[in-house]
Amino acid sequence: MTMKPSTLLTTLLLAAAIGPPLQAQQAGDPRQGLSLARHVCYECHAIQPQQLISPNPRAPTFPQLAATPGMTAAALTVALTTPHVGMPMFRLSSDQREDIIAYILSLRGSGTTPGR
């Protein structure tokens, strides 16, 4: 099953709106998340703040994802577990998923604004 980009956006926004607020102590290890992203996500996404454009122009950069208003761990979990156009479905363990999410959320305030 493939999800349309507009359906994915609606799903992400809904998950962000109803998801629990990000706690000061979140699950996952951002350093492990970066290491994993370097192996799994880099072909499509710009994963570091100094990378301004993703290799796949349709894939948002990780700093853009982190800076998206209302972005939460719950919304990112939906994105990583819901099939959608252009996103291969990786089999990540829950710990790996939490590490990648922790890394993405650690990029908040990296100076990149959504859509840039």
Protein backbone atom coordinates (compact mmCIF):
# COMPACT_ATOMS: atom_id res chain seq x y z
CA MET A 1 0.00 0.00 0.00
CA THR A 2 1.38 3.40 -0.99
CA MET A 3 0.19 6.60 0.61
CA LYS A 4 -0.25 9.85 -1.36
CA PRO A 5 1.99 12.73 -0.21
CA SER A 6 -1.07 14.77 0.86
CA THR A 7 -2.37 11.84 2.90
CA LEU A 8 1.04 11.41 4.53
CA LEU A 9 1.17 15.10 5.42
CA THR A 10 -2.30 14.92 6.93
CA THR A 11 -1.31 11.83 8.91
CA LEU A 12 1.87 13.50 10.19
CA LEU A 13 0.02 16.66 11.19
CA LEU A 14 -2.67 14.64 12.96
CA ALA A 15 -0.07 12.60 14.82
CA ALA A 16 1.76 15.80 15.79
CA ALA A 17 -1.47 17.35 17.07
CA ILE A 18 -2.57 14.39 19.18
CA GLY A 19 0.82 13.03 20.17
CA PRO A 20 2.13 13.55 23.66
CA PRO A 21 4.40 16.54 24.16
CA LEU A 22 8.10 15.83 23.87
CA GLN A 23 9.47 15.11 27.30
CA ALA A 24 12.78 16.52 28.49
CA GLN A 25 14.05 12.96 28.74
CA GLN A 26 13.23 11.27 25.46
CA ALA A 27 13.87 7.72 24.42
CA GLY A 28 16.65 7.01 22.01
CA ASP A 29 20.28 7.98 21.58
CA PRO A 30 20.89 10.82 19.10
CA ARG A 31 24.49 9.68 18.47
CA GLN A 32 23.32 6.19 17.58
CA GLY A 33 20.59 7.77 15.44
CA LEU A 34 23.16 9.76 13.43
CA SER A 35 25.27 6.65 12.96
CA LEU A 36 22.27 4.68 11.74
CA ALA A 37 21.07 7.55 9.51
CA ARG A 38 24.51 7.59 7.84
CA HIS A 39 23.86 4.00 6.76
CA VAL A 40 20.13 3.98 6.09
CA CYS A 41 18.83 7.50 5.30
CA TYR A 42 21.67 9.39 3.61
CA GLU A 43 20.87 8.28 0.05
CA CYS A 44 17.65 10.31 0.07
CA HIS A 45 17.85 12.76 3.00
CA ALA A 46 20.33 15.42 4.02
CA ILE A 47 20.92 14.22 7.55
CA GLN A 48 23.24 16.89 8.97
CA PRO A 49 22.64 20.62 9.55
CA GLN A 50 25.34 21.75 7.11
CA GLN A 51 23.64 19.82 4.28
CA LEU A 52 21.10 22.24 2.80
CA ILE A 53 19.59 20.02 0.11
CA SER A 54 18.70 16.36 0.21
CA PRO A 55 20.09 14.05 -2.50
CA ASN A 56 16.45 13.29 -3.37
CA PRO A 57 14.81 16.70 -3.87
CA ARG A 58 11.44 15.31 -2.70
CA ALA A 59 12.90 14.14 0.61
CA PRO A 60 12.97 16.75 3.38
CA THR A 61 16.24 17.36 5.17
CA PHE A 62 16.43 16.13 8.75
CA PRO A 63 16.81 19.73 10.03
CA GLN A 64 13.64 20.66 8.10
CA LEU A 65 11.79 17.78 9.73
CA ALA A 66 13.04 18.83 13.16
CA ALA A 67 11.97 22.45 12.59
CA THR A 68 8.48 21.58 11.37
CA PRO A 69 5.97 23.16 13.78
CA GLY A 70 4.35 20.52 15.99
CA MET A 71 6.84 17.82 15.04
CA THR A 72 6.97 15.19 17.77
CA ALA A 73 8.39 11.76 18.33
CA ALA A 74 4.89 10.40 17.67
CA ALA A 75 4.69 12.12 14.28
CA LEU A 76 8.12 10.83 13.30
CA THR A 77 7.14 7.33 14.41
CA VAL A 78 4.17 7.51 12.04
CA ALA A 79 6.47 8.65 9.22
CA LEU A 80 8.88 5.80 9.83
CA THR A 81 6.21 3.12 10.09
CA THR A 82 3.71 4.20 7.42
CA PRO A 83 4.35 3.38 3.76
CA HIS A 84 4.34 6.47 1.55
CA VAL A 85 5.43 7.47 -1.94
CA GLY A 86 9.17 7.47 -2.41
CA MET A 87 9.97 6.19 1.09
CA PRO A 88 11.30 2.66 1.22
CA MET A 89 10.02 0.69 4.17
CA PHE A 90 12.96 -0.23 6.33
CA ARG A 91 12.73 -2.86 9.00
CA LEU A 92 14.00 -0.93 11.96
CA SER A 93 13.86 -2.21 15.50
CA SER A 94 11.99 0.03 17.94
CA ASP A 95 15.35 1.02 19.46
CA GLN A 96 16.75 1.97 16.04
CA ARG A 97 13.61 3.97 15.25
CA GLU A 98 13.84 5.77 18.61
CA ASP A 99 17.52 6.56 17.98
CA ILE A 100 16.80 8.10 14.57
CA ILE A 101 13.89 10.07 16.02
CA ALA A 102 16.07 11.30 18.91
CA TYR A 103 18.69 12.42 16.38
CA ILE A 104 16.18 14.26 14.19
CA LEU A 105 14.65 16.04 17.19
CA SER A 106 18.14 16.95 18.43
CA LEU A 107 18.50 19.08 15.29
CA ARG A 108 15.93 21.61 16.45
CA GLY A 109 17.42 25.06 16.34
CA SER A 110 20.09 24.09 13.82
CA GLY A 111 19.22 27.23 11.85
CA THR A 112 17.31 25.52 9.04
CA THR A 113 13.70 26.51 8.49
CA PRO A 114 11.07 24.30 6.86
CA GLY A 115 10.94 24.62 3.10
CA ARG A 116 14.45 26.03 2.72
